[in-house]
Amino acid sequence: MRTLNTVLAVVFALLVILFAVSNRTDVDITLWPFPFQATMGVYAVVLLAVLIGILCGMIATWLMQGANRRERKRLRGRVKDLEDSLRIHDSSKR
C-alpha cells in the first residue's frame, strides 16, 4: 500500500509539473471589489483555485463531523468508566 501511495504521489507530481510547464501564459487577476490586480501564470491561478477548493472541502467536512467526534468522545469516556467499574468489581471478589 505504501508503494502504491508513493507511485501515485510521483505520478500526480509529474502531472502537476507538466501542467505548470505547459500553461505559463500570464493572466491578469482582479478580485472585485478589491482595488488591486495581480499578474500570474495560468497554472498558478488553476492550482490556487484547486487548493482553495480542497481546503474549503476539508473545513466543511471537519465542521460537519463535529457531532460524530463529540459522540465518540462521550462513548470513549463511557467505555473507560465501565472498564474501571469492572476492574473494581473483579478486585473486590479476590
C-alpha atoms as a PDB file:
ATOM      1  CA  MET A   1       0.000   0.000   0.000  1.00  0.00           C
ATOM      2  CA  ARG A   2       2.848   2.349   0.857  1.00  0.00           C
ATOM      3  CA  THR A   3       4.494   1.714  -2.510  1.00  0.00           C
ATOM      4  CA  LEU A   4       1.222   2.399  -4.311  1.00  0.00           C
ATOM      5  CA  ASN A   5       0.839   5.715  -2.460  1.00  0.00           C
ATOM      6  CA  THR A   6       4.382   6.685  -3.405  1.00  0.00           C
ATOM      7  CA  VAL A   7       3.835   5.798  -7.065  1.00  0.00           C
ATOM      8  CA  LEU A   8       0.553   7.745  -7.172  1.00  0.00           C
ATOM      9  CA  ALA A   9       2.174  10.761  -5.494  1.00  0.00           C
ATOM     10  CA  VAL A  10       5.041  10.755  -8.012  1.00  0.00           C
ATOM     11  CA  VAL A  11       2.642  10.450 -10.962  1.00  0.00           C
ATOM     12  CA  PHE A  12       0.484  13.276  -9.570  1.00  0.00           C
ATOM     13  CA  ALA A  13       3.555  15.477  -9.026  1.00  0.00           C
ATOM     14  CA  LEU A  14       4.713  14.843 -12.603  1.00  0.00           C
ATOM     15  CA  LEU A  15       1.268  15.756 -13.947  1.00  0.00           C
ATOM     16  CA  VAL A  16       1.279  18.995 -11.930  1.00  0.00           C
ATOM     17  CA  ILE A  17       4.759  19.854 -13.220  1.00  0.00           C
ATOM     18  CA  LEU A  18       3.738  19.129 -16.821  1.00  0.00           C
ATOM     19  CA  PHE A  19       0.607  21.247 -16.360  1.00  0.00           C
ATOM     20  CA  ALA A  20       2.653  24.131 -14.943  1.00  0.00           C
ATOM     21  CA  VAL A  21       5.236  23.989 -17.738  1.00  0.00           C
ATOM     22  CA  SER A  22       2.541  23.819 -20.427  1.00  0.00           C
ATOM     23  CA  ASN A  23       0.496  26.759 -19.086  1.00  0.00           C
ATOM     24  CA  ARG A  24       2.968  29.544 -18.380  1.00  0.00           C
ATOM     25  CA  THR A  25       0.983  32.297 -20.070  1.00  0.00           C
ATOM     26  CA  ASP A  26       0.390  35.264 -17.773  1.00  0.00           C
ATOM     27  CA  VAL A  27      -3.124  36.434 -16.958  1.00  0.00           C
ATOM     28  CA  ASP A  28      -4.323  39.459 -15.005  1.00  0.00           C
ATOM     29  CA  ILE A  29      -6.380  38.637 -11.934  1.00  0.00           C
ATOM     30  CA  THR A  30      -8.704  41.213 -10.378  1.00  0.00           C
ATOM     31  CA  LEU A  31     -10.710  40.389  -7.280  1.00  0.00           C
ATOM     32  CA  TRP A  32     -13.760  42.607  -7.273  1.00  0.00           C
ATOM     33  CA  PRO A  33     -14.451  44.753  -5.169  1.00  0.00           C
ATOM     34  CA  PHE A  34     -10.812  44.948  -4.070  1.00  0.00           C
ATOM     35  CA  PRO A  35      -8.745  47.595  -5.834  1.00  0.00           C
ATOM     36  CA  PHE A  36      -5.661  45.507  -6.595  1.00  0.00           C
ATOM     37  CA  GLN A  37      -4.688  43.458  -9.604  1.00  0.00           C
ATOM     38  CA  ALA A  38      -2.164  40.629  -9.896  1.00  0.00           C
ATOM     39  CA  THR A  39      -0.445  39.051 -12.867  1.00  0.00           C
ATOM     40  CA  MET A  40       0.013  35.296 -12.534  1.00  0.00           C
ATOM     41  CA  GLY A  41       0.611  32.311 -14.723  1.00  0.00           C
ATOM     42  CA  VAL A  42      -2.460  30.332 -15.760  1.00  0.00           C
ATOM     43  CA  TYR A  43      -1.055  27.304 -13.922  1.00  0.00           C
ATOM     44  CA  ALA A  44      -0.845  29.316 -10.672  1.00  0.00           C
ATOM     45  CA  VAL A  45      -4.430  30.504 -10.968  1.00  0.00           C
ATOM     46  CA  VAL A  46      -5.748  26.987 -11.617  1.00  0.00           C
ATOM     47  CA  LEU A  47      -3.648  25.340  -8.906  1.00  0.00           C
ATOM     48  CA  LEU A  48      -4.589  28.046  -6.409  1.00  0.00           C
ATOM     49  CA  ALA A  49      -8.281  27.561  -7.204  1.00  0.00           C
ATOM     50  CA  VAL A  50      -7.916  23.793  -6.713  1.00  0.00           C
ATOM     51  CA  LEU A  51      -6.079  24.323  -3.427  1.00  0.00           C
ATOM     52  CA  ILE A  52      -8.763  26.710  -2.153  1.00  0.00           C
ATOM     53  CA  GLY A  53     -11.459  24.198  -3.145  1.00  0.00           C
ATOM     54  CA  ILE A  54      -9.687  21.375  -1.332  1.00  0.00           C
ATOM     55  CA  LEU A  55      -9.247  23.490   1.803  1.00  0.00           C
ATOM     56  CA  CYS A  56     -12.911  24.562   1.769  1.00  0.00           C
ATOM     57  CA  GLY A  57     -13.979  20.930   1.385  1.00  0.00           C
ATOM     58  CA  MET A  58     -11.740  19.831   4.253  1.00  0.00           C
ATOM     59  CA  ILE A  59     -13.083  22.560   6.538  1.00  0.00           C
ATOM     60  CA  ALA A  60     -16.704  21.768   5.638  1.00  0.00           C
ATOM     61  CA  THR A  61     -16.158  18.056   6.270  1.00  0.00           C
ATOM     62  CA  TRP A  62     -14.459  18.742   9.605  1.00  0.00           C
ATOM     63  CA  LEU A  63     -17.316  21.013  10.701  1.00  0.00           C
ATOM     64  CA  MET A  64     -19.994  18.518   9.656  1.00  0.00           C
ATOM     65  CA  GLN A  65     -18.272  15.705  11.597  1.00  0.00           C
ATOM     66  CA  GLY A  66     -18.306  17.652  14.895  1.00  0.00           C
ATOM     67  CA  ALA A  67     -21.292  15.731  16.274  1.00  0.00           C
ATOM     68  CA  ASN A  68     -19.620  12.409  15.466  1.00  0.00           C
ATOM     69  CA  ARG A  69     -16.415  13.479  17.243  1.00  0.00           C
ATOM     70  CA  ARG A  70     -18.368  14.531  20.345  1.00  0.00           C
ATOM     71  CA  GLU A  71     -20.286  11.226  20.376  1.00  0.00           C
ATOM     72  CA  ARG A  72     -17.073   9.199  20.037  1.00  0.00           C
ATOM     73  CA  LYS A  73     -15.519  11.155  22.898  1.00  0.00           C
ATOM     74  CA  ARG A  74     -18.594  10.538  25.055  1.00  0.00           C
ATOM     75  CA  LEU A  75     -18.567   6.822  24.235  1.00  0.00           C
ATOM     76  CA  ARG A  76     -14.829   6.543  24.963  1.00  0.00           C
ATOM     77  CA  GLY A  77     -15.481   8.049  28.384  1.00  0.00           C
ATOM     78  CA  ARG A  78     -18.360   5.618  28.961  1.00  0.00           C
ATOM     79  CA  VAL A  79     -16.190   2.642  27.964  1.00  0.00           C
ATOM     80  CA  LYS A  80     -13.437   3.831  30.322  1.00  0.00           C
ATOM     81  CA  ASP A  81     -15.938   4.159  33.170  1.00  0.00           C
ATOM     82  CA  LEU A  82     -17.287   0.659  32.520  1.00  0.00           C
ATOM     83  CA  GLU A  83     -13.768  -0.811  32.349  1.00  0.00           C
ATOM     84  CA  ASP A  84     -12.883   0.905  35.643  1.00  0.00           C
ATOM     85  CA  SER A  85     -16.024  -0.450  37.289  1.00  0.00           C
ATOM     86  CA  LEU A  86     -15.184  -3.961  36.038  1.00  0.00           C
ATOM     87  CA  ARG A  87     -11.655  -3.681  37.488  1.00  0.00           C
ATOM     88  CA  ILE A  88     -13.062  -2.561  40.832  1.00  0.00           C
ATOM     89  CA  HIS A  89     -15.648  -5.362  40.765  1.00  0.00           C
ATOM     90  CA  ASP A  90     -13.007  -8.006  39.887  1.00  0.00           C
ATOM     91  CA  SER A  91     -10.607  -6.812  42.585  1.00  0.00           C
ATOM     92  CA  SER A  92     -13.326  -6.896  45.260  1.00  0.00           C
ATOM     93  CA  LYS A  93     -14.039 -10.588  44.508  1.00  0.00           C
ATOM     94  CA  ARG A  94     -10.479 -11.618  45.324  1.00  0.00           C
END
